[in-house]
Amino acid sequence: MITLTVNGKTVRAREGSPLLEAVRAAGVEIPTLCQHEALEPWGGCRLCLVDVTRPEWNGWAKMVVSCMYPAEEGLIVETHTERVVETRRVVLDLLLARCPETPLIQRLAREHGIEKTSYLPNPEPTDCILCGLCTRVCDHIGVFAISSVNRGAGREIAPPFHEAPPDCIGCLACAEVCPTSCIPYETSDARRTIWGKAFEMVRCPKCGKAHITKAQADFYAGRNGVPRSYFETCDACKRQEMARTFSKLSAGAVGGMETGKQGNRETGRP
C-alpha cells in the first residue's frame, strides 16, 4: 500500500491502482460516463480529470485522467481546481450539444452550471454519448457484434453495414450497461429482438421463465465447455437448488454429530 493526498486528505491505496479509486476512497465524487467496475479503464469521456503534482515539482501540476493514471507514493491530487472544472464544463457543453434531450447529460450539465449548450444543438438529437461501454462489454464477452463507426460528427455505434449482426447472441449486455438506455430492444417469453436480429428464448425447465436466448446458451456452452443444460436453468432456480443442497448437507452433518454424541454417552466416552 502507498500513501497519497487527495484534496488535502491522506489516503491509502494500492500501488498502481487507478487514481480514481483513491479519489473515491477519500470520499470525493467526480463525474464519469465511460467507467465501469467490470471493464478495463478507457478514459474516453474525460470527465474524471484531476490535477496531480508533487512537492519536488515546485508548484507545477498536470491534468490526468484519473481512471487510467496509476496511484503513486507521495502524489498530491486536486479534483476541483479551476482548470479541471472548466475542462469538465467544456466536455459537458459539447455533450449537451450532441445529446440536448438526454436526461443524464442535462443533469450533469446543470450540476456544472450549464443550462443550455453554447454550441449549435444536434439537429438530430441522440441519447448515445459515445461512452464506448456497449462495445467494450461486447468485446469483453468475446462476441464483437458492434463497434464504433465513422468519424467526427457522424461517429456512431452500429453493427457491420447496419445489418443484423451475425455474431450477436442477444445477451442484452450492451443495453444493460448503457448509462442512457439508448439501445432499444424487445423481449418476451418467446422472442427477443435487438440490433434488428431476432432470437428464440430458452425457458427454465423448473419455473418456466424465459431467461436466456438459445444463441446465448450455445455460445456460453461452446466457450466454457459446460453442458448446455446448465444454462437452461435460470439463476433463481439454481440458487434455490443450491440452498436446498446446503440445507440437506447441514442437516446431515448435525445429525451425524448428534448420533456421535449419543454413541459416546452410551459407551461412556467423552
Protein backbone atom coordinates (compact mmCIF):
# COMPACT_ATOMS: atom_id res chain seq x y z
CA MET A 1 0.00 0.00 0.00
CA ILE A 2 1.07 3.58 -0.66
CA THR A 3 0.12 6.96 0.74
CA LEU A 4 -1.03 9.96 -1.28
CA THR A 5 -3.03 13.12 -0.71
CA VAL A 6 -6.44 13.89 -2.22
CA ASN A 7 -7.77 17.42 -1.64
CA GLY A 8 -5.59 17.68 1.45
CA LYS A 9 -6.71 14.32 2.87
CA THR A 10 -4.23 11.48 3.32
CA VAL A 11 -5.37 8.32 1.57
CA ARG A 12 -4.00 4.78 1.42
CA ALA A 13 -4.23 2.99 -1.93
CA ARG A 14 -2.88 0.02 -3.82
CA GLU A 15 0.22 1.00 -5.78
CA GLY A 16 -0.57 1.13 -9.47
CA SER A 17 -4.35 1.04 -8.97
CA PRO A 18 -6.40 3.64 -10.87
CA LEU A 19 -6.18 7.02 -9.22
CA LEU A 20 -9.98 7.19 -9.41
CA GLU A 21 -10.13 4.51 -6.70
CA ALA A 22 -8.07 6.64 -4.33
CA VAL A 23 -10.23 9.69 -5.08
CA ARG A 24 -13.37 7.77 -4.20
CA ALA A 25 -11.70 6.29 -1.13
CA ALA A 26 -11.22 9.87 0.04
CA GLY A 27 -14.99 10.37 -0.22
CA VAL A 28 -14.74 12.64 -3.25
CA GLU A 29 -17.21 12.17 -6.09
CA ILE A 30 -16.20 13.19 -9.59
CA PRO A 31 -18.30 12.52 -12.70
CA THR A 32 -17.62 9.60 -15.02
CA LEU A 33 -19.50 8.34 -18.06
CA CYS A 34 -17.27 5.68 -19.60
CA GLN A 35 -16.10 3.95 -16.41
CA HIS A 36 -17.49 0.61 -15.20
CA GLU A 37 -16.11 -1.62 -12.46
CA ALA A 38 -16.41 -4.74 -14.63
CA LEU A 39 -14.39 -3.29 -17.52
CA GLU A 40 -10.86 -2.04 -18.07
CA PRO A 41 -10.42 1.76 -17.84
CA TRP A 42 -10.83 3.54 -21.16
CA GLY A 43 -10.51 7.26 -20.47
CA GLY A 44 -12.93 8.22 -23.21
CA CYS A 45 -15.28 10.70 -21.55
CA ARG A 46 -12.52 12.85 -19.96
CA LEU A 47 -14.80 13.87 -17.08
CA CYS A 48 -12.69 12.26 -14.34
CA LEU A 49 -9.78 14.63 -14.97
CA VAL A 50 -7.82 15.74 -11.91
CA ASP A 51 -4.69 17.79 -11.25
CA VAL A 52 -1.68 15.94 -9.86
CA THR A 53 1.61 17.30 -8.53
CA ARG A 54 4.49 16.52 -6.16
CA PRO A 55 6.41 18.68 -3.67
CA GLU A 56 9.54 18.45 -5.82
CA TRP A 57 7.67 19.81 -8.86
CA ASN A 58 7.79 23.30 -7.32
CA GLY A 59 4.13 24.13 -7.94
CA TRP A 60 3.87 22.66 -11.42
CA ALA A 61 0.89 20.33 -11.93
CA LYS A 62 -0.57 18.34 -14.78
CA MET A 63 -4.08 17.23 -15.62
CA VAL A 64 -4.55 13.48 -15.92
CA VAL A 65 -7.44 11.09 -16.48
CA SER A 66 -7.88 9.56 -13.03
CA CYS A 67 -9.39 6.29 -14.24
CA MET A 68 -6.17 5.48 -16.13
CA TYR A 69 -3.43 7.26 -14.15
CA PRO A 70 -1.76 4.96 -11.58
CA ALA A 71 -1.75 5.80 -7.88
CA GLU A 72 1.81 6.59 -6.79
CA GLU A 73 3.54 7.21 -3.47
CA GLY A 74 3.50 10.86 -2.41
CA LEU A 75 1.22 12.07 -5.19
CA ILE A 76 -0.80 15.20 -4.44
CA VAL A 77 -4.22 15.21 -6.11
CA GLU A 78 -6.67 18.09 -6.52
CA THR A 79 -10.04 17.19 -8.01
CA HIS A 80 -11.74 20.57 -8.39
CA THR A 81 -9.14 23.12 -9.45
CA GLU A 82 -10.36 25.92 -11.67
CA ARG A 83 -8.93 24.46 -14.86
CA VAL A 84 -10.21 20.96 -14.09
CA VAL A 85 -13.75 22.21 -13.51
CA GLU A 86 -13.61 24.37 -16.62
CA THR A 87 -12.42 21.44 -18.73
CA ARG A 88 -15.31 19.33 -17.46
CA ARG A 89 -17.67 22.15 -18.36
CA VAL A 90 -16.37 22.20 -21.94
CA VAL A 91 -16.84 18.44 -22.26
CA LEU A 92 -20.38 18.62 -20.88
CA ASP A 93 -21.18 21.60 -23.10
CA LEU A 94 -20.19 19.55 -26.15
CA LEU A 95 -22.14 16.53 -24.93
CA LEU A 96 -25.19 18.68 -24.34
CA ALA A 97 -24.93 19.89 -27.93
CA ARG A 98 -24.82 16.30 -29.16
CA CYS A 99 -27.49 14.99 -26.76
CA PRO A 100 -29.67 18.00 -25.85
CA GLU A 101 -32.61 15.83 -24.79
CA THR A 102 -30.74 13.23 -22.74
CA PRO A 103 -31.68 13.47 -19.01
CA LEU A 104 -28.30 12.22 -17.73
CA ILE A 105 -26.37 14.83 -19.71
CA GLN A 106 -28.85 17.56 -18.80
CA ARG A 107 -28.40 16.75 -15.11
CA LEU A 108 -24.59 16.67 -15.23
CA ALA A 109 -24.56 19.91 -17.22
CA ARG A 110 -26.79 21.64 -14.68
CA GLU A 111 -24.54 20.44 -11.85
CA HIS A 112 -21.74 22.32 -13.63
CA GLY A 113 -23.78 25.46 -14.19
CA ILE A 114 -24.77 24.77 -17.82
CA GLU A 115 -28.46 25.16 -18.60
CA LYS A 116 -28.09 25.42 -22.37
CA THR A 117 -25.29 24.44 -24.72
CA SER A 118 -23.20 27.25 -26.18
CA TYR A 119 -22.76 25.24 -29.38
CA LEU A 120 -25.21 24.52 -32.18
CA PRO A 121 -27.51 21.74 -30.89
CA ASN A 122 -27.61 18.50 -32.82
CA PRO A 123 -30.42 18.73 -35.41
CA GLU A 124 -30.95 15.01 -34.91
CA PRO A 125 -30.73 14.54 -31.13
CA THR A 126 -29.44 11.21 -29.86
CA ASP A 127 -29.09 9.59 -26.46
CA CYS A 128 -25.83 7.90 -27.47
CA ILE A 129 -22.98 9.70 -25.69
CA LEU A 130 -20.28 7.54 -27.36
CA CYS A 131 -19.02 6.33 -23.98
CA GLY A 132 -17.98 3.02 -25.56
CA LEU A 133 -19.37 0.90 -22.72
CA CYS A 134 -21.57 -1.16 -25.04
CA THR A 135 -18.82 -2.06 -27.49
CA ARG A 136 -16.33 -2.76 -24.72
CA VAL A 137 -18.64 -5.12 -22.82
CA CYS A 138 -19.46 -6.90 -26.10
CA ASP A 139 -15.74 -7.34 -26.79
CA HIS A 140 -15.12 -8.41 -23.19
CA ILE A 141 -17.68 -11.21 -23.52
CA GLY A 142 -15.98 -12.25 -26.74
CA VAL A 143 -18.82 -11.56 -29.16
CA PHE A 144 -17.57 -8.46 -31.06
CA ALA A 145 -21.00 -7.81 -32.62
CA ILE A 146 -20.97 -3.99 -32.57
CA SER A 147 -18.36 -1.27 -32.85
CA SER A 148 -17.76 2.44 -33.24
CA VAL A 149 -18.00 3.50 -36.89
CA ASN A 150 -17.34 6.70 -38.85
CA ARG A 151 -15.59 9.81 -37.53
CA GLY A 152 -16.32 13.28 -36.26
CA ALA A 153 -19.97 14.33 -36.01
CA GLY A 154 -21.01 11.19 -37.88
CA ARG A 155 -19.49 8.80 -35.39
CA GLU A 156 -21.91 6.20 -34.04
CA ILE A 157 -22.24 2.73 -32.56
CA ALA A 158 -23.52 0.18 -35.04
CA PRO A 159 -23.27 -3.41 -36.28
CA PRO A 160 -21.39 -4.10 -39.54
CA PHE A 161 -23.04 -2.35 -42.50
CA HIS A 162 -26.01 -1.52 -40.26
CA GLU A 163 -27.31 -5.03 -40.80
CA ALA A 164 -28.42 -7.54 -38.17
CA PRO A 165 -25.05 -8.60 -36.66
CA PRO A 166 -24.39 -12.30 -37.29
CA ASP A 167 -22.26 -12.59 -34.11
CA CYS A 168 -24.81 -11.08 -31.72
CA ILE A 169 -26.18 -13.57 -29.19
CA GLY A 170 -28.93 -11.35 -27.77
CA CYS A 171 -27.47 -11.24 -24.25
CA LEU A 172 -28.53 -7.59 -23.71
CA ALA A 173 -25.20 -6.78 -22.03
CA CYS A 174 -24.80 -3.72 -24.26
CA ALA A 175 -28.27 -2.42 -23.46
CA GLU A 176 -27.94 -3.03 -19.73
CA VAL A 177 -24.55 -1.32 -19.40
CA CYS A 178 -25.63 1.75 -21.41
CA PRO A 179 -25.88 4.72 -18.98
CA THR A 180 -28.55 6.47 -21.08
CA SER A 181 -30.61 3.38 -22.00
CA CYS A 182 -30.38 4.30 -25.68
CA ILE A 183 -30.13 0.78 -27.13
CA PRO A 184 -33.69 -0.39 -27.92
CA TYR A 185 -34.76 -3.99 -27.59
CA GLU A 186 -37.89 -6.06 -27.13
CA THR A 187 -38.13 -9.26 -25.14
CA SER A 188 -40.87 -11.70 -24.24
CA ASP A 189 -41.23 -15.31 -23.14
CA ALA A 190 -40.89 -16.46 -26.74
CA ARG A 191 -38.76 -13.93 -28.57
CA ARG A 192 -36.13 -11.21 -28.12
CA THR A 193 -35.11 -8.59 -30.69
CA ILE A 194 -32.07 -6.31 -30.58
CA TRP A 195 -29.94 -4.69 -33.28
CA GLY A 196 -32.51 -5.85 -35.82
CA LYS A 197 -31.89 -9.51 -35.01
CA ALA A 198 -34.50 -11.87 -33.53
CA PHE A 199 -33.71 -14.63 -31.03
CA GLU A 200 -35.63 -17.62 -29.72
CA MET A 201 -35.78 -17.79 -25.93
CA VAL A 202 -34.93 -20.68 -23.63
CA ARG A 203 -37.41 -21.44 -20.84
CA CYS A 204 -36.21 -22.66 -17.47
CA PRO A 205 -37.31 -26.30 -17.09
CA LYS A 206 -38.10 -25.73 -13.40
CA CYS A 207 -40.04 -22.45 -13.28
CA GLY A 208 -40.83 -21.89 -16.96
CA LYS A 209 -39.28 -18.42 -17.06
CA ALA A 210 -37.70 -17.33 -20.36
CA HIS A 211 -34.33 -16.03 -19.20
CA ILE A 212 -31.75 -16.54 -21.96
CA THR A 213 -31.61 -16.82 -25.74
CA LYS A 214 -30.74 -20.09 -27.41
CA ALA A 215 -27.83 -18.35 -29.14
CA GLN A 216 -26.53 -17.19 -25.77
CA ALA A 217 -26.78 -20.67 -24.24
CA ASP A 218 -24.98 -22.18 -27.24
CA PHE A 219 -22.24 -19.54 -27.09
CA TYR A 220 -21.52 -20.00 -23.37
CA ALA A 221 -21.63 -23.78 -23.60
CA GLY A 222 -19.27 -23.80 -26.57
CA ARG A 223 -16.82 -21.38 -24.98
CA ASN A 224 -16.61 -22.81 -21.48
CA GLY A 225 -17.10 -26.50 -22.13
CA VAL A 226 -20.01 -26.53 -19.66
CA PRO A 227 -23.02 -28.68 -20.64
CA ARG A 228 -25.68 -26.63 -22.39
CA SER A 229 -28.27 -27.95 -19.94
CA TYR A 230 -26.58 -25.92 -17.20
CA PHE A 231 -27.53 -22.66 -18.92
CA GLU A 232 -31.12 -23.74 -19.49
CA THR A 233 -31.96 -23.42 -15.78
CA CYS A 234 -32.41 -19.81 -14.63
CA ASP A 235 -30.18 -18.33 -11.93
CA ALA A 236 -33.02 -18.09 -9.39
CA CYS A 237 -33.76 -21.80 -9.63
CA LYS A 238 -30.04 -22.61 -9.43
CA ARG A 239 -29.78 -20.63 -6.20
CA GLN A 240 -32.84 -22.38 -4.78
CA GLU A 241 -31.42 -25.79 -5.66
CA MET A 242 -28.07 -24.85 -4.10
CA ALA A 243 -29.82 -23.66 -0.94
CA ARG A 244 -31.69 -26.96 -0.68
CA THR A 245 -28.46 -28.89 -1.19
CA PHE A 246 -26.66 -26.93 1.54
CA SER A 247 -29.65 -27.38 3.84
CA LYS A 248 -29.53 -31.17 3.37
CA LEU A 249 -25.77 -31.24 3.90
CA SER A 250 -26.06 -29.15 7.05
CA ALA A 251 -28.88 -31.31 8.40
CA GLY A 252 -26.83 -34.44 7.68
CA ALA A 253 -23.80 -33.01 9.44
CA VAL A 254 -25.82 -32.03 12.51
CA GLY A 255 -27.50 -35.45 12.55
CA GLY A 256 -24.10 -37.15 12.37
CA MET A 257 -22.82 -35.10 15.29
CA GLU A 258 -25.88 -35.93 17.41
CA THR A 259 -25.51 -39.63 16.59
CA GLY A 260 -21.85 -39.47 17.61
CA LYS A 261 -22.72 -37.77 20.90
CA GLN A 262 -25.41 -40.35 21.65
CA GLY A 263 -22.96 -43.19 20.95
CA ASN A 264 -20.36 -41.63 23.23
CA ARG A 265 -22.90 -41.35 26.04
CA GLU A 266 -23.85 -44.97 25.67
CA THR A 267 -20.23 -46.13 25.71
CA GLY A 268 -19.21 -43.71 28.39
CA ARG A 269 -16.71 -41.98 26.15
CA PRO A 270 -16.18 -38.22 26.44
